[in-house]
Amino acid sequence: AFATSLRVDVLYPKYAADNCIEGYAVVRYHVTDNGTTDEIEVVDSEPEDLFDKAAMDGVSLWRFLEAEFGAIKTQKIQFNLEQQCVPQTNTE
């Protein structure tokens, strides 16, 4: 079970949203003794590098319950657009 006391939604990168790109990032992190996260790293992502920063930034804001303190966790974060997407184009 994923027991968090606070899990902030990860922001969708603007470039990916504007270009209708979906994907994922798999993040490994350590839960500290005060429930914050550190040692955050992306261990897999598709497309490579596109969602890495957004995933790491989001996980850095998560807060965990005492039962999770000291744990090393891995979480796959999906980036899926919720509606039909039309790529933003620059027409000149």
Protein backbone atom coordinates (compact mmCIF):
# COMPACT_ATOMS: atom_id res chain seq x y z
CA ALA A 1 0.00 0.00 0.00
CA PHE A 2 1.13 3.51 -0.74
CA ALA A 3 0.79 5.26 2.64
CA THR A 4 1.51 8.95 2.39
CA SER A 5 0.35 11.73 4.59
CA LEU A 6 0.76 14.19 1.70
CA ARG A 7 1.21 13.37 -1.97
CA VAL A 8 1.37 16.44 -4.18
CA ASP A 9 0.33 15.97 -7.80
CA VAL A 10 3.23 16.10 -10.22
CA LEU A 11 3.03 18.97 -12.73
CA TYR A 12 2.81 18.07 -16.41
CA PRO A 13 5.71 19.66 -18.31
CA LYS A 14 4.47 22.44 -20.62
CA TYR A 15 6.48 21.22 -23.63
CA ALA A 16 5.00 17.73 -23.30
CA ALA A 17 1.45 19.04 -22.88
CA ASP A 18 1.78 21.48 -25.81
CA ASN A 19 3.05 18.65 -28.03
CA CYS A 20 0.60 15.96 -26.83
CA ILE A 21 3.37 13.76 -25.45
CA GLU A 22 2.56 11.13 -22.83
CA GLY A 23 4.98 8.93 -20.94
CA TYR A 24 6.31 8.03 -17.52
CA ALA A 25 9.19 8.35 -15.10
CA VAL A 26 10.21 5.72 -12.54
CA VAL A 27 11.64 7.43 -9.47
CA ARG A 28 13.61 5.87 -6.61
CA TYR A 29 13.83 7.82 -3.36
CA HIS A 30 14.57 7.56 0.35
CA VAL A 31 12.04 8.52 3.02
CA THR A 32 13.88 10.41 5.75
CA ASP A 33 13.30 10.14 9.50
CA ASN A 34 11.04 13.20 9.38
CA GLY A 35 8.90 11.94 6.48
CA THR A 36 10.43 14.01 3.68
CA THR A 37 12.18 12.55 0.63
CA ASP A 38 15.81 12.72 -0.44
CA GLU A 39 18.23 10.80 -2.68
CA ILE A 40 15.67 11.18 -5.47
CA GLU A 41 16.71 9.72 -8.82
CA VAL A 42 15.00 8.71 -12.04
CA VAL A 43 15.83 5.10 -12.86
CA ASP A 44 13.76 4.83 -16.05
CA SER A 45 11.68 7.16 -18.20
CA GLU A 46 9.95 7.32 -21.55
CA PRO A 47 10.53 9.47 -23.49
CA GLU A 48 13.96 9.69 -21.94
CA ASP A 49 14.57 12.86 -19.86
CA LEU A 50 11.29 14.59 -20.79
CA PHE A 51 9.44 13.92 -17.53
CA ASP A 52 12.45 13.46 -15.22
CA LYS A 53 12.57 16.94 -13.65
CA ALA A 54 8.79 17.14 -13.14
CA ALA A 55 8.75 13.71 -11.47
CA MET A 56 11.68 14.54 -9.18
CA ASP A 57 10.23 17.94 -8.27
CA GLY A 58 6.89 16.35 -7.41
CA VAL A 59 8.38 13.55 -5.29
CA SER A 60 10.49 16.10 -3.41
CA LEU A 61 7.24 17.58 -2.03
CA TRP A 62 5.73 14.28 -0.86
CA ARG A 63 5.50 13.62 2.88
CA PHE A 64 5.25 10.17 4.45
CA LEU A 65 3.81 8.68 7.61
CA GLU A 66 6.09 7.41 10.37
CA ALA A 67 5.64 3.77 9.32
CA GLU A 68 7.50 4.59 6.08
CA PHE A 69 10.49 6.41 7.67
CA GLY A 70 13.81 5.03 6.44
CA ALA A 71 12.33 3.22 3.45
CA ILE A 72 13.81 3.19 -0.03
CA LYS A 73 10.87 3.32 -2.45
CA THR A 74 10.34 3.16 -6.18
CA GLN A 75 7.31 4.75 -7.82
CA LYS A 76 6.23 4.86 -11.46
CA ILE A 77 4.64 8.20 -12.28
CA GLN A 78 2.46 8.19 -15.38
CA PHE A 79 2.04 11.33 -17.45
CA ASN A 80 -1.22 10.97 -19.36
CA LEU A 81 -3.25 13.76 -20.92
CA GLU A 82 -6.81 13.72 -19.63
CA GLN A 83 -8.47 14.86 -22.83
CA GLN A 84 -8.02 14.81 -26.59
CA CYS A 85 -4.92 16.82 -27.40
CA VAL A 86 -4.23 19.05 -30.38
CA PRO A 87 -0.53 19.92 -30.75
CA GLN A 88 0.26 23.61 -30.45
CA THR A 89 1.70 24.80 -33.75
CA ASN A 90 3.32 28.04 -34.73
CA THR A 91 1.78 29.10 -38.02
CA GLU A 92 3.36 32.12 -39.64
